[in-house]
Amino acid sequence: MRDHNMDKEHNNIIRREGQDMGKEGIRGVKAEMSDEIFQKISKLVHEKIGLKLTDKKKYMVYSRLSRRLRELGLTNFNKYYQLLKKDTSELEELINLLTTNVTNFFREIHHFAFLKNRVFTELKQEKHNKKIRVWSAGCSSGEEAYSLAIILYDHFGPEWDIKILATDINTEVLNMAREGIYNYQQVKNIPYNLLSRYFLMGTGDNEGLFKVKDDIKKLIVFKKLNLNSGSYQIESKLDFIFCRNVFIYFNHKIRARILEHFYRLLKDNGYLFLGHSESINNSRAKNNRWKLVWQTTYQKTGKGERDGA
């Protein structure tokens, strides 16, 4: 669930789906979505994962769920809402349909430069046990997690104990991430030396596909996790957390609660990487818990007041 350009992506989707609507009435589904049903579905999604669906997202919700109604053989959205309330598997399908997943390998390259130029140097100096623990929160289809695994493995080598927890609420993209198979357009931002070293190139029927090598895949555990839940069940202290272009989907209260979890899970002086449009509100004089050290990069510091985001 990610990307600062969610609104842009939704607008593109709306234009495409609007064209489909004009031609086919959303593939034959003619039921209307009332404001009341939209608000009920929005409330259900917000209570479950904290995602706020504003009124401008109504058509996006309508178009995606119209296709789902057709698949289920339902004739109106009220019946679908009743199904959501009693069927947890359908609620999971709803979340998969409504969470937008746009990501790339080595996206926001300045974060990876900061890792190599500063964080890795500190880890080598501090980590006598050669153990590194990282979390990619909102990992989508895996590109971010694999990017982290590649640069960590490439820098530290196989003798270091490297583990990356990669989580998302969307089970469909998690399955894609676990496969670790990407097409040329998806891997084109990876430097050639890293691509040739850490990916297998497909041949025959798989020509044009690239599969992450097992040495990299084994560093990552992909897991479903709801950032809006009360407990994350993560035991290890983390050296750094990537949670980029995720906060934009949550309100202030939920962001503050997530930051509390991050602060607790990070080791002293650990790092938190946010998306390019996200920040932590450190305006209060007594709040010295997070120090901005680089572009949307924060370091855990003292114990001040609770966080604002």
Protein backbone atom coordinates (compact mmCIF):
# COMPACT_ATOMS: atom_id res chain seq x y z
CA MET A 1 0.00 0.00 0.00
CA ARG A 2 2.07 2.83 -1.16
CA ASP A 3 3.01 5.71 -3.41
CA HIS A 4 2.87 9.44 -3.03
CA ASN A 5 1.22 9.60 -6.47
CA MET A 6 -1.86 7.63 -5.39
CA ASP A 7 -4.21 10.42 -6.46
CA LYS A 8 -2.52 10.66 -9.86
CA GLU A 9 -2.72 6.89 -10.27
CA HIS A 10 -6.39 6.90 -9.24
CA ASN A 11 -7.11 9.68 -11.73
CA ASN A 12 -5.52 7.60 -14.48
CA ILE A 13 -7.54 4.59 -13.38
CA ILE A 14 -10.71 6.64 -13.23
CA ARG A 15 -10.15 7.88 -16.79
CA ARG A 16 -9.59 4.33 -18.04
CA GLU A 17 -12.50 2.93 -16.08
CA GLY A 18 -14.66 5.86 -17.08
CA GLN A 19 -14.04 4.93 -20.70
CA ASP A 20 -15.02 1.34 -19.86
CA MET A 21 -18.11 2.66 -18.09
CA GLY A 22 -19.20 4.53 -21.19
CA LYS A 23 -18.77 1.46 -23.36
CA GLU A 24 -19.98 -1.32 -21.09
CA GLY A 25 -21.47 0.20 -17.92
CA ILE A 26 -18.59 -1.30 -15.93
CA ARG A 27 -18.69 -4.64 -17.70
CA GLY A 28 -22.44 -5.05 -17.40
CA VAL A 29 -22.97 -4.03 -13.77
CA LYS A 30 -25.64 -1.32 -13.62
CA ALA A 31 -26.12 -1.06 -9.85
CA GLU A 32 -25.51 2.35 -8.36
CA MET A 33 -23.47 2.96 -5.23
CA SER A 34 -25.34 5.28 -2.89
CA ASP A 35 -23.48 7.72 -0.68
CA GLU A 36 -24.73 5.76 2.32
CA ILE A 37 -23.24 2.47 1.11
CA PHE A 38 -20.00 4.19 0.15
CA GLN A 39 -19.71 5.65 3.64
CA LYS A 40 -20.42 2.26 5.20
CA ILE A 41 -17.75 0.56 3.12
CA SER A 42 -15.32 3.42 3.83
CA LYS A 43 -15.96 3.09 7.56
CA LEU A 44 -15.40 -0.66 7.41
CA VAL A 45 -12.07 -0.22 5.61
CA HIS A 46 -10.97 2.53 7.99
CA GLU A 47 -11.81 0.45 11.07
CA LYS A 48 -9.94 -2.53 9.68
CA ILE A 49 -6.71 -1.02 8.31
CA GLY A 50 -6.92 2.72 9.02
CA LEU A 51 -7.19 3.70 5.33
CA LYS A 52 -9.33 6.78 4.81
CA LEU A 53 -11.39 6.76 1.61
CA THR A 54 -12.45 10.32 0.87
CA ASP A 55 -15.45 11.22 -1.26
CA LYS A 56 -13.22 11.80 -4.29
CA LYS A 57 -12.33 8.09 -4.20
CA LYS A 58 -15.97 7.03 -4.59
CA TYR A 59 -15.77 6.35 -8.30
CA MET A 60 -12.55 4.38 -7.92
CA VAL A 61 -14.25 2.25 -5.25
CA TYR A 62 -17.35 1.89 -7.40
CA SER A 63 -15.48 0.81 -10.51
CA ARG A 64 -13.31 -1.76 -8.74
CA LEU A 65 -16.14 -3.21 -6.69
CA SER A 66 -18.48 -3.34 -9.71
CA ARG A 67 -16.16 -5.90 -11.23
CA ARG A 68 -16.17 -7.82 -7.97
CA LEU A 69 -19.99 -7.80 -7.85
CA ARG A 70 -20.04 -9.26 -11.33
CA GLU A 71 -17.65 -12.03 -10.30
CA LEU A 72 -19.81 -12.87 -7.28
CA GLY A 73 -23.09 -12.66 -9.16
CA LEU A 74 -24.44 -9.95 -6.86
CA THR A 75 -26.91 -7.36 -8.14
CA ASN A 76 -26.32 -4.43 -5.79
CA PHE A 77 -23.80 -2.96 -3.38
CA ASN A 78 -25.97 -3.40 -0.31
CA LYS A 79 -25.78 -7.18 -0.75
CA TYR A 80 -22.04 -6.88 -1.12
CA TYR A 81 -21.80 -4.83 2.08
CA GLN A 82 -23.79 -7.48 3.96
CA LEU A 83 -21.36 -10.09 2.62
CA LEU A 84 -18.39 -8.04 3.85
CA LYS A 85 -19.75 -7.94 7.38
CA LYS A 86 -19.94 -11.72 7.70
CA ASP A 87 -17.17 -13.00 5.41
CA THR A 88 -13.61 -12.19 6.52
CA SER A 89 -12.13 -13.63 3.33
CA GLU A 90 -14.18 -11.21 1.25
CA LEU A 91 -13.06 -8.35 3.46
CA GLU A 92 -9.48 -9.34 2.65
CA GLU A 93 -10.38 -9.34 -1.05
CA LEU A 94 -11.83 -5.85 -0.64
CA ILE A 95 -8.58 -4.62 0.92
CA ASN A 96 -6.59 -6.15 -1.93
CA LEU A 97 -8.81 -4.36 -4.44
CA LEU A 98 -8.60 -0.95 -2.80
CA THR A 99 -4.94 -0.72 -1.81
CA THR A 100 -2.83 0.80 -4.55
CA ASN A 101 0.61 -0.69 -5.10
CA VAL A 102 3.12 1.31 -7.12
CA THR A 103 6.81 0.84 -6.40
CA ASN A 104 10.21 0.36 -8.03
CA PHE A 105 13.62 -1.07 -7.30
CA PHE A 106 15.94 1.45 -5.62
CA ARG A 107 13.24 4.08 -5.54
CA GLU A 108 14.23 7.40 -3.93
CA ILE A 109 17.88 6.58 -4.46
CA HIS A 110 19.05 9.16 -1.91
CA HIS A 111 17.92 6.82 0.88
CA PHE A 112 20.11 4.03 -0.44
CA ALA A 113 23.03 6.44 -0.77
CA PHE A 114 22.58 7.42 2.88
CA LEU A 115 22.58 3.77 3.88
CA LYS A 116 25.85 3.10 2.07
CA ASN A 117 27.59 6.32 3.07
CA ARG A 118 26.59 6.50 6.73
CA VAL A 119 24.46 3.69 8.13
CA PHE A 120 26.57 0.82 6.84
CA THR A 121 29.74 2.43 8.19
CA GLU A 122 28.13 2.72 11.63
CA LEU A 123 26.91 -0.87 11.51
CA LYS A 124 30.37 -2.17 10.74
CA GLN A 125 31.78 -0.24 13.68
CA GLU A 126 29.05 -1.24 16.13
CA LYS A 127 28.00 -4.74 15.13
CA HIS A 128 30.57 -7.07 16.60
CA ASN A 129 28.04 -9.91 16.32
CA LYS A 130 27.58 -9.16 12.59
CA LYS A 131 23.80 -9.20 12.93
CA ILE A 132 21.53 -6.75 11.02
CA ARG A 133 17.74 -6.54 11.39
CA VAL A 134 15.60 -4.42 9.06
CA TRP A 135 11.89 -3.86 8.42
CA SER A 136 10.32 -2.88 5.10
CA ALA A 137 6.84 -1.76 6.19
CA GLY A 138 4.40 -1.52 3.29
CA CYS A 139 6.64 -3.60 1.04
CA SER A 140 4.11 -3.97 -1.79
CA SER A 141 5.32 -6.43 -4.46
CA GLY A 142 8.79 -6.71 -2.96
CA GLU A 143 10.97 -4.32 -4.91
CA GLU A 144 11.94 -2.27 -1.86
CA ALA A 145 12.74 -5.31 0.28
CA TYR A 146 14.82 -6.91 -2.46
CA SER A 147 16.64 -3.61 -3.05
CA LEU A 148 17.58 -3.53 0.62
CA ALA A 149 18.63 -7.18 0.60
CA ILE A 150 20.81 -6.66 -2.47
CA ILE A 151 22.76 -3.68 -1.15
CA LEU A 152 23.14 -5.24 2.31
CA TYR A 153 24.40 -8.53 0.92
CA ASP A 154 26.59 -6.79 -1.64
CA HIS A 155 28.17 -4.61 1.05
CA PHE A 156 28.47 -7.00 4.01
CA GLY A 157 28.71 -10.37 2.30
CA PRO A 158 27.38 -13.81 3.28
CA GLU A 159 29.24 -13.93 6.60
CA TRP A 160 26.85 -11.38 8.13
CA ASP A 161 23.51 -12.44 9.63
CA ILE A 162 21.06 -10.27 7.69
CA LYS A 163 17.29 -10.56 8.12
CA ILE A 164 14.67 -8.32 6.55
CA LEU A 165 11.02 -8.40 7.61
CA ALA A 166 8.85 -7.25 4.70
CA THR A 167 5.17 -6.64 5.43
CA ASP A 168 2.04 -5.44 3.69
CA ILE A 169 -1.71 -5.62 4.23
CA ASN A 170 -2.32 -6.76 0.65
CA THR A 171 -2.02 -10.55 0.35
CA GLU A 172 -1.95 -10.53 -3.46
CA VAL A 173 1.17 -8.37 -3.69
CA LEU A 174 2.80 -10.39 -0.92
CA ASN A 175 2.40 -13.52 -3.04
CA MET A 176 4.01 -11.71 -5.96
CA ALA A 177 6.85 -10.59 -3.69
CA ARG A 178 7.51 -14.12 -2.47
CA GLU A 179 7.90 -15.32 -6.06
CA GLY A 180 10.54 -12.67 -6.75
CA ILE A 181 9.95 -12.68 -10.51
CA TYR A 182 9.91 -9.39 -12.42
CA ASN A 183 9.81 -8.24 -16.03
CA TYR A 184 12.27 -5.97 -17.78
CA GLN A 185 10.30 -2.78 -17.10
CA GLN A 186 10.35 -3.55 -13.39
CA VAL A 187 14.11 -4.19 -13.16
CA LYS A 188 15.34 -1.51 -15.54
CA ASN A 189 16.42 0.80 -12.69
CA ILE A 190 18.73 -1.81 -11.21
CA PRO A 191 22.42 -1.22 -12.08
CA TYR A 192 23.60 -3.87 -14.52
CA ASN A 193 26.31 -5.21 -12.22
CA LEU A 194 23.72 -5.88 -9.49
CA LEU A 195 21.14 -7.24 -11.93
CA SER A 196 23.58 -9.76 -13.41
CA ARG A 197 24.91 -10.72 -9.98
CA TYR A 198 21.66 -11.22 -8.08
CA PHE A 199 19.06 -12.20 -10.69
CA LEU A 200 18.56 -15.19 -12.97
CA MET A 201 17.62 -14.27 -16.54
CA GLY A 202 14.72 -16.20 -18.00
CA THR A 203 15.09 -18.20 -21.21
CA GLY A 204 12.62 -19.84 -23.56
CA ASP A 205 9.07 -19.31 -22.32
CA ASN A 206 10.48 -17.16 -19.49
CA GLU A 207 12.47 -14.86 -21.74
CA GLY A 208 12.21 -11.25 -20.55
CA LEU A 209 11.71 -12.27 -16.91
CA PHE A 210 14.19 -11.92 -14.07
CA LYS A 211 14.13 -14.02 -10.90
CA VAL A 212 15.80 -13.01 -7.65
CA LYS A 213 18.51 -15.50 -6.67
CA ASP A 214 18.06 -17.61 -3.57
CA ASP A 215 21.00 -15.97 -1.76
CA ILE A 216 18.92 -12.77 -1.70
CA LYS A 217 15.48 -14.31 -1.22
CA LYS A 218 16.54 -16.19 1.91
CA LEU A 219 17.33 -12.88 3.65
CA ILE A 220 13.67 -11.80 3.57
CA VAL A 221 10.55 -12.94 5.39
CA PHE A 222 7.35 -11.69 3.73
CA LYS A 223 4.41 -11.42 6.10
CA LYS A 224 0.94 -9.92 6.21
CA LEU A 225 0.76 -7.16 8.81
CA ASN A 226 -1.81 -4.48 9.54
CA LEU A 227 -0.06 -1.29 10.67
CA ASN A 228 -3.34 -0.20 12.25
CA SER A 229 -3.35 -3.19 14.61
CA GLY A 230 -2.49 -2.92 18.29
CA SER A 231 0.50 -5.27 18.28
CA TYR A 232 3.04 -6.08 15.58
CA GLN A 233 4.56 -9.18 17.25
CA ILE A 234 8.09 -8.20 16.29
CA GLU A 235 10.65 -9.21 18.88
CA SER A 236 14.05 -8.18 17.48
CA LYS A 237 15.39 -4.67 17.86
CA LEU A 238 15.69 -3.14 14.40
CA ASP A 239 18.64 -1.26 12.94
CA PHE A 240 16.45 0.69 10.53
CA ILE A 241 12.91 0.80 9.18
CA PHE A 242 11.71 1.75 5.71
CA CYS A 243 8.10 2.95 5.78
CA ARG A 244 7.87 5.08 2.67
CA ASN A 245 4.73 6.53 1.12
CA VAL A 246 2.53 4.78 3.67
CA PHE A 247 1.76 7.51 6.21
CA ILE A 248 -0.05 9.53 3.55
CA TYR A 249 -2.96 7.08 3.81
CA PHE A 250 -3.47 7.54 7.55
CA ASN A 251 -4.82 10.31 9.73
CA HIS A 252 -2.74 12.05 12.40
CA LYS A 253 -3.86 9.79 15.23
CA ILE A 254 -2.97 6.57 13.44
CA ARG A 255 0.38 7.94 12.22
CA ALA A 256 1.28 8.90 15.80
CA ARG A 257 0.39 5.43 17.04
CA ILE A 258 2.51 3.78 14.32
CA LEU A 259 5.43 6.04 15.22
CA GLU A 260 5.17 4.85 18.80
CA HIS A 261 5.58 1.28 17.58
CA PHE A 262 8.53 2.25 15.39
CA TYR A 263 10.25 4.05 18.26
CA ARG A 264 9.87 1.05 20.53
CA LEU A 265 11.14 -1.41 17.92
CA LEU A 266 14.17 0.56 16.74
CA LYS A 267 17.47 0.15 18.54
CA ASP A 268 18.97 3.29 20.12
CA ASN A 269 20.10 5.63 17.33
CA GLY A 270 18.29 3.50 14.72
CA TYR A 271 16.91 5.07 11.56
CA LEU A 272 13.46 5.58 10.09
CA PHE A 273 13.06 6.30 6.36
CA LEU A 274 9.82 7.94 5.22
CA GLY A 275 8.46 8.85 1.78
CA HIS A 276 9.39 12.07 0.03
CA SER A 277 6.12 13.80 0.98
CA GLU A 278 6.09 12.61 4.60
CA SER A 279 7.56 14.00 7.80
CA ILE A 280 7.50 13.80 11.58
CA ASN A 281 6.24 16.87 13.43
CA ASN A 282 9.04 17.87 15.79
CA SER A 283 7.73 21.38 16.33
CA ARG A 284 7.13 20.91 20.06
CA ALA A 285 10.17 21.99 22.03
CA LYS A 286 10.18 18.96 24.31
CA ASN A 287 9.93 16.47 21.48
CA ASN A 288 13.46 15.22 20.89
CA ARG A 289 12.63 11.63 20.03
CA TRP A 290 13.42 11.93 16.31
CA LYS A 291 16.21 13.87 14.63
CA LEU A 292 16.03 14.72 10.93
CA VAL A 293 19.43 13.67 9.57
CA TRP A 294 18.82 13.47 5.81
CA GLN A 295 16.01 13.81 3.30
CA THR A 296 12.95 12.28 5.02
CA THR A 297 15.37 10.26 7.15
CA TYR A 298 15.04 10.32 10.94
CA GLN A 299 17.23 8.97 13.72
CA LYS A 300 15.84 7.76 17.01
CA THR A 301 17.25 9.95 19.79
CA GLY A 302 16.08 10.88 23.30
CA LYS A 303 12.83 10.26 25.08
CA GLY A 304 10.69 13.32 24.69
CA GLU A 305 6.93 13.67 24.32
CA ARG A 306 4.82 11.40 22.20
CA ASP A 307 5.29 11.82 18.49
CA GLY A 308 3.34 13.81 15.98
CA ALA A 309 3.23 13.13 12.27
